[in-house]
Structures are given as structure tokens and as C-alpha cells.
């Protein structure tokens, strides 16, 4: 849960072209939207909830501009083919049960996919990490399987929504690695993605994600230099995001990407 602020690479053969080492790592094109809960609950002190009607209008805005919402797995696969133009990453943090009941029907009507970052150690529980605000149920195993069967990507948000930057080394390894093992066993799929709780990360957290075998990880702001796909920035989308605000956020994402690309060129 965050306020409104806006896999690990598998082992590869050595690149036969020495010049490739000097090329900056490519960033996801366009932008990645960060959602949380989708419900009609009016009590929303952390600005993490959008109503199903608002989500419908936001996705209609994307479609009206020729954009298609996709999971991070799909976005990054398209990027690898040079075919990411017109795609927007859609992510839903915390794995709220209302993803299946409220968000999934809207996504399916549009033909969109999304990535759901779930807490593998709290399946069927509630958002106990929130100091105030309403208690919201989390997806259980059946809900996760249903989302996967509908074409959504299931990825890890850790075990218990723990801030990895203040946890000890053993907890960090467990939150990152054990959550991947549990979700792999539950879904039968490789779990490619991780999302840092609260958006907090440091070099130790990204190292744990890399060693656990993830191909990518999502944050909020760009991560430490050299993080690459293990700290992909996102743009928060909330209930107040009308078409005019979405357009501003789309432009912000473009500026952020140009800044990241320029920084990558400076450090190679």
C-alpha cells in the first residue's frame, strides 16, 4: 500500500558482440499503471481504491487512444520483440479478493490482461498491514487460480507485506524466495515477477530478487543505478484520475522514460 505518488535475468550465454556491453538496458515503453483495490468502499484513507465504474472509464480512455492494457509478462515479452508500441502495463498490488469480483470482469470486457501481485503467506487473509482504514479480504488459493485461468499473470508481493529495507537478511530471503516457491506450487507456472512492498527497495532487496530467480520486479520510483528490470517504475492510478489526469500521468511517464534512458547513456 502506498500514497498517490507519481526476474531476475536467467543465466545467458556471453554476448559474442563486445559492443553490446556498452548499450543501455531498454526500459518498458509507454507506462505501467499501479492499481490496488477495486470496490465501491468509500473509506479510502490511503487512496488505493477505485470503483468498478471508474476503472471501466479509465480502461475505456486507454482503449480510445489505441492502447491496450497487458500484464508485465506480456509487456516485457513484447519489448523483447520490439513490439511494445501501444501497450500499457496494468498491475494490481496486494492481491485483494475484489480483483476477481470487480476488476476481472472489467478487464475481460476490454480484452485486457494484468499482473496481480499477491501475498503468498496471507492467502485468504486481510490487509493487516494497514494501520487504519477498512479491513479488506485478500485472494485465497481458489481466487488466484481463477485469475490465472482468466489469463492474468500471478506474481509475488512477498509473504506478509514486509518492508524489505528494514527486515533482517533471513526475513528478506524468505519473503522473496519462499513466496516464489509457494506461488509456483499453487499455479504450476514459473513466477517471473516481484513487487516491493510499499515500493521500498535497496541494493540488498534487489540482490535477493535476483538470486531468487525473478526476471523483473516492480517499484514506484526508479531504483538504484544498475537496477534495470529489477526496479521498474510505475504510475499510481486512483479514484480521482479522470481522463485529464490520466493524460498528465501518461506524459509524466514519457518524461520519466527519457530521463532514465539519458541516465543509462551517461553511465555506460
Protein backbone atom coordinates (compact mmCIF):
# COMPACT_ATOMS: atom_id res chain seq x y z
CA UNK A 1 0.00 0.00 0.00
CA UNK A 2 1.34 3.43 -0.91
CA UNK A 3 0.18 7.00 -1.16
CA UNK A 4 -0.54 8.56 -4.54
CA UNK A 5 2.93 9.47 -5.74
CA UNK A 6 3.63 9.65 -9.07
CA UNK A 7 13.21 -11.79 -12.87
CA UNK A 8 15.99 -11.65 -12.38
CA UNK A 9 17.51 -12.36 -15.77
CA UNK A 10 18.03 -16.05 -16.26
CA UNK A 11 21.58 -17.18 -16.97
CA UNK A 12 22.51 -16.38 -20.55
CA UNK A 13 25.38 -17.21 -22.84
CA UNK A 14 28.06 -14.50 -23.07
CA UNK A 15 27.24 -11.92 -25.71
CA UNK A 16 29.55 -12.51 -28.67
CA UNK A 17 29.44 -8.82 -29.55
CA UNK A 18 31.68 -6.77 -27.22
CA UNK A 19 29.85 -3.60 -28.20
CA UNK A 20 26.64 -4.94 -26.60
CA UNK A 21 28.12 -4.31 -23.16
CA UNK A 22 28.02 -0.57 -23.83
CA UNK A 23 24.35 -0.46 -24.83
CA UNK A 24 21.94 0.82 -22.14
CA UNK A 25 19.32 -1.57 -20.85
CA UNK A 26 15.98 -0.87 -22.50
CA UNK A 27 13.10 0.33 -20.35
CA UNK A 28 9.44 -0.65 -20.72
CA UNK A 29 7.80 1.52 -23.33
CA UNK A 30 4.90 3.85 -22.58
CA UNK A 31 4.00 3.36 -18.93
CA UNK A 32 2.97 0.93 -16.22
CA UNK A 33 -0.13 1.70 -14.15
CA UNK A 34 -0.29 0.70 -10.49
CA UNK A 35 -3.69 -0.19 -9.03
CA UNK A 36 -4.65 -1.81 -5.74
CA UNK A 37 -8.26 -2.43 -4.72
CA UNK A 38 -11.36 -2.17 -6.93
CA UNK A 39 -14.56 -1.71 -4.95
CA UNK A 40 -17.32 0.74 -4.03
CA UNK A 41 -15.95 1.17 -0.49
CA UNK A 42 -15.96 4.93 0.30
CA UNK A 43 -13.49 4.63 3.19
CA UNK A 44 -10.13 5.02 1.45
CA UNK A 45 -7.55 6.86 3.62
CA UNK A 46 -4.60 5.63 1.56
CA UNK A 47 -6.07 6.38 -1.88
CA UNK A 48 -5.74 2.77 -3.00
CA UNK A 49 -9.30 2.10 -4.14
CA UNK A 50 -11.06 2.76 -7.43
CA UNK A 51 -14.68 1.90 -8.08
CA UNK A 52 -15.53 -0.58 -10.83
CA UNK A 53 -17.22 2.25 -12.73
CA UNK A 54 -14.10 4.42 -12.53
CA UNK A 55 -11.91 1.53 -13.64
CA UNK A 56 -14.24 1.00 -16.59
CA UNK A 57 -13.87 4.64 -17.63
CA UNK A 58 -10.09 4.58 -17.19
CA UNK A 59 -9.69 1.48 -19.33
CA UNK A 60 -12.08 2.96 -21.90
CA UNK A 61 -9.79 6.01 -22.01
CA UNK A 62 -6.84 3.75 -22.80
CA UNK A 63 -8.75 1.88 -25.48
CA UNK A 64 -9.96 5.13 -27.01
CA UNK A 65 -6.35 6.12 -27.61
CA UNK A 66 -5.48 2.86 -29.25
CA UNK A 67 -3.75 1.50 -26.14
CA UNK A 68 -4.15 -1.99 -24.71
CA UNK A 69 -3.58 -2.94 -21.10
CA UNK A 70 -1.41 -6.03 -20.59
CA UNK A 71 0.38 -7.92 -17.84
CA UNK A 72 4.02 -7.21 -17.13
CA UNK A 73 4.95 -10.59 -18.56
CA UNK A 74 3.23 -9.68 -21.82
CA UNK A 75 4.69 -6.16 -21.88
CA UNK A 76 8.25 -7.34 -21.36
CA UNK A 77 7.89 -10.15 -23.90
CA UNK A 78 6.62 -7.61 -26.44
CA UNK A 79 9.51 -5.30 -25.60
CA UNK A 80 11.96 -8.13 -26.31
CA UNK A 81 10.43 -8.43 -29.79
CA UNK A 82 10.40 -4.67 -30.33
CA UNK A 83 6.58 -4.81 -30.40
CA UNK A 84 5.67 -2.88 -27.25
CA UNK A 85 4.20 0.16 -29.01
CA UNK A 86 0.59 0.75 -27.94
CA UNK A 87 0.83 -1.38 -24.80
CA UNK A 88 0.36 -0.24 -21.20
CA UNK A 89 1.31 -2.42 -18.24
CA UNK A 90 -1.50 -2.97 -15.72
CA UNK A 91 -0.58 -4.09 -12.19
CA UNK A 92 -2.71 -4.68 -9.08
CA UNK A 93 -0.84 -4.77 -5.77
CA UNK A 94 -1.69 -6.71 -2.60
CA UNK A 95 -3.94 -9.33 -4.20
CA UNK A 96 -7.28 -8.10 -2.90
CA UNK A 97 -10.19 -10.51 -3.33
CA UNK A 98 -12.10 -7.79 -5.18
CA UNK A 99 -9.72 -8.25 -8.10
CA UNK A 100 -11.70 -11.33 -9.10
CA UNK A 101 -15.15 -9.98 -8.29
CA UNK A 102 -14.78 -6.39 -9.51
CA UNK A 103 -11.64 -5.82 -11.64
CA UNK A 104 -11.54 -9.05 -13.62
CA UNK A 105 -14.96 -8.60 -15.30
CA UNK A 106 -13.95 -5.11 -16.46
CA UNK A 107 -10.61 -6.33 -17.80
CA UNK A 108 -12.19 -9.22 -19.66
CA UNK A 109 -14.77 -6.99 -21.35
CA UNK A 110 -11.90 -4.95 -22.76
CA UNK A 111 -9.75 -7.94 -23.66
CA UNK A 112 -7.03 -6.61 -21.33
CA UNK A 113 -4.72 -8.62 -19.10
CA UNK A 114 -2.95 -7.59 -15.90
CA UNK A 115 -0.42 -8.70 -13.31
CA UNK A 116 -1.70 -9.40 -9.80
CA UNK A 117 0.96 -9.16 -7.08
CA UNK A 118 -0.23 -11.42 -4.27
CA UNK A 119 0.98 -12.13 -0.75
CA UNK A 120 1.78 -15.81 -0.68
CA UNK A 121 1.83 -16.00 3.11
CA UNK A 122 -1.55 -14.32 3.63
CA UNK A 123 -3.88 -16.11 1.20
CA UNK A 124 -7.48 -15.69 2.30
CA UNK A 125 -6.39 -13.18 4.96
CA UNK A 126 -6.84 -9.42 5.08
CA UNK A 127 -4.80 -6.22 4.83
CA UNK A 128 -3.49 -6.34 8.38
CA UNK A 129 -0.52 -4.08 7.49
CA UNK A 130 -2.79 -1.02 7.12
CA UNK A 131 -2.83 0.93 10.37
CA UNK A 132 -6.23 2.42 9.66
CA UNK A 133 -8.97 2.12 7.11
CA UNK A 134 -11.27 -0.77 6.29
CA UNK A 135 -10.26 -4.42 6.52
CA UNK A 136 -10.27 -5.91 3.04
CA UNK A 137 -10.13 -9.64 2.24
CA UNK A 138 -7.28 -11.00 0.15
CA UNK A 139 -7.44 -13.59 -2.60
CA UNK A 140 -7.39 -17.20 -1.49
CA UNK A 141 -5.93 -20.06 -3.49
CA UNK A 142 -9.14 -20.59 -5.49
CA UNK A 143 -9.28 -16.90 -6.39
CA UNK A 144 -5.69 -16.94 -7.58
CA UNK A 145 -6.35 -19.98 -9.74
CA UNK A 146 -9.43 -18.30 -11.19
CA UNK A 147 -7.45 -15.16 -12.09
CA UNK A 148 -4.74 -17.28 -13.70
CA UNK A 149 -7.30 -19.26 -15.69
CA UNK A 150 -8.67 -15.95 -16.98
CA UNK A 151 -5.26 -15.10 -18.46
CA UNK A 152 -3.90 -12.88 -15.69
CA UNK A 153 -0.30 -13.10 -14.53
CA UNK A 154 0.21 -14.10 -10.90
CA UNK A 155 3.34 -12.63 -9.35
CA UNK A 156 4.76 -12.15 -5.86
CA UNK A 157 4.38 -9.29 -3.39
CA UNK A 158 6.29 -11.25 -0.76
CA UNK A 159 4.84 -13.31 2.08
CA UNK A 160 3.50 -10.76 4.57
CA UNK A 161 3.81 -7.23 3.08
CA UNK A 162 7.08 -6.62 4.92
CA UNK A 163 9.31 -3.63 4.18
CA UNK A 164 12.44 -5.37 2.91
CA UNK A 165 14.67 -2.39 3.59
CA UNK A 166 14.25 -2.74 7.38
CA UNK A 167 13.99 -6.55 7.66
CA UNK A 168 16.95 -8.77 8.56
CA UNK A 169 18.68 -10.85 5.91
CA UNK A 170 16.86 -14.09 6.73
CA UNK A 171 13.46 -12.41 6.52
CA UNK A 172 14.36 -10.78 3.22
CA UNK A 173 15.40 -14.12 1.73
CA UNK A 174 12.23 -15.79 2.97
CA UNK A 175 9.87 -13.03 1.81
CA UNK A 176 11.41 -13.01 -1.65
CA UNK A 177 12.36 -16.64 -2.23
CA UNK A 178 9.74 -18.62 -0.31
CA UNK A 179 6.90 -16.58 -1.78
CA UNK A 180 8.07 -17.54 -5.27
CA UNK A 181 8.20 -21.23 -4.37
CA UNK A 182 4.70 -21.16 -2.86
CA UNK A 183 3.14 -19.40 -5.84
CA UNK A 184 4.89 -21.68 -8.31
CA UNK A 185 3.46 -24.70 -6.49
CA UNK A 186 0.00 -23.11 -6.39
CA UNK A 187 -0.21 -22.03 -10.04
CA UNK A 188 2.04 -24.56 -11.74
CA UNK A 189 3.74 -21.67 -13.57
CA UNK A 190 7.11 -20.02 -13.29
CA UNK A 191 6.66 -16.85 -11.24
CA UNK A 192 8.60 -14.20 -13.12
CA UNK A 193 7.73 -11.02 -11.22
CA UNK A 194 8.13 -9.48 -7.79
CA UNK A 195 6.74 -6.24 -6.36
CA UNK A 196 8.47 -4.48 -3.44
CA UNK A 197 6.04 -3.87 -0.55
CA UNK A 198 5.41 -0.14 -0.03
CA UNK A 199 7.62 0.43 -3.07
CA UNK A 200 10.65 0.38 -0.75
CA UNK A 201 13.84 -1.17 -2.08
CA UNK A 202 17.58 -1.02 -1.78
CA UNK A 203 20.55 -2.91 -3.18
CA UNK A 204 20.07 -5.76 -0.71
CA UNK A 205 16.43 -6.21 -1.78
CA UNK A 206 17.25 -6.20 -5.49
CA UNK A 207 20.05 -8.71 -4.87
CA UNK A 208 17.59 -11.02 -3.10
CA UNK A 209 15.15 -10.73 -6.01
CA UNK A 210 17.91 -11.52 -8.49
CA UNK A 211 19.15 -14.54 -6.55
CA UNK A 212 15.61 -15.90 -6.13
CA UNK A 213 15.33 -16.17 -9.92
CA UNK A 214 12.83 -13.45 -10.77
CA UNK A 215 13.03 -11.93 -14.24
CA UNK A 216 11.69 -8.50 -13.21
CA UNK A 217 10.49 -6.52 -10.21
CA UNK A 218 8.18 -3.52 -9.92
CA UNK A 219 8.77 -0.50 -7.73
CA UNK A 220 7.29 3.02 -7.80
CA UNK A 221 10.19 5.39 -8.36
CA UNK A 222 13.24 4.23 -10.35
CA UNK A 223 15.60 2.10 -8.28
CA UNK A 224 19.35 2.39 -7.64
CA UNK A 225 21.61 2.79 -10.66
CA UNK A 226 22.01 -0.50 -12.45
CA UNK A 227 18.72 -1.98 -11.15
CA UNK A 228 17.32 -2.31 -14.67
CA UNK A 229 14.34 -4.63 -14.83
CA UNK A 230 14.58 -5.34 -11.10
CA UNK A 231 13.19 -1.89 -10.25
CA UNK A 232 10.65 -0.94 -12.92
CA UNK A 233 8.88 2.34 -12.06
CA UNK A 234 5.09 2.68 -12.21
CA UNK A 235 2.46 5.40 -12.11
CA UNK A 236 -0.19 5.24 -9.37
CA UNK A 237 -3.78 5.35 -10.63
CA UNK A 238 -6.58 6.19 -8.21
CA UNK A 239 -10.23 7.18 -7.99
CA UNK A 240 -9.51 10.84 -8.74
CA UNK A 241 -7.81 10.05 -12.05
CA UNK A 242 -10.11 11.46 -14.69
CA UNK A 243 -9.15 11.48 -18.38
CA UNK A 244 -7.36 14.82 -17.97
CA UNK A 245 -5.27 13.49 -15.07
CA UNK A 246 -4.53 10.27 -16.92
CA UNK A 247 -3.19 12.27 -19.85
CA UNK A 248 -0.89 14.18 -17.49
CA UNK A 249 0.34 10.91 -15.98
CA UNK A 250 0.91 9.47 -19.44
CA UNK A 251 3.11 12.46 -20.26
CA UNK A 252 4.91 12.11 -16.93
CA UNK A 253 5.73 8.51 -17.80
CA UNK A 254 7.22 9.62 -21.11
CA UNK A 255 9.39 12.24 -19.39
CA UNK A 256 10.50 9.67 -16.81
CA UNK A 257 11.43 7.22 -19.53
CA UNK A 258 13.51 9.82 -21.40
CA UNK A 259 15.28 10.67 -18.13
CA UNK A 260 16.02 7.01 -17.44
CA UNK A 261 17.34 6.49 -20.96
CA UNK A 262 19.55 9.57 -20.69
CA UNK A 263 20.92 8.35 -17.34
CA UNK A 264 21.65 4.93 -18.82
CA UNK A 265 23.66 6.56 -21.60
CA UNK A 266 25.63 8.57 -19.05
CA UNK A 267 26.70 5.56 -17.02
CA UNK A 268 27.78 3.22 -19.84
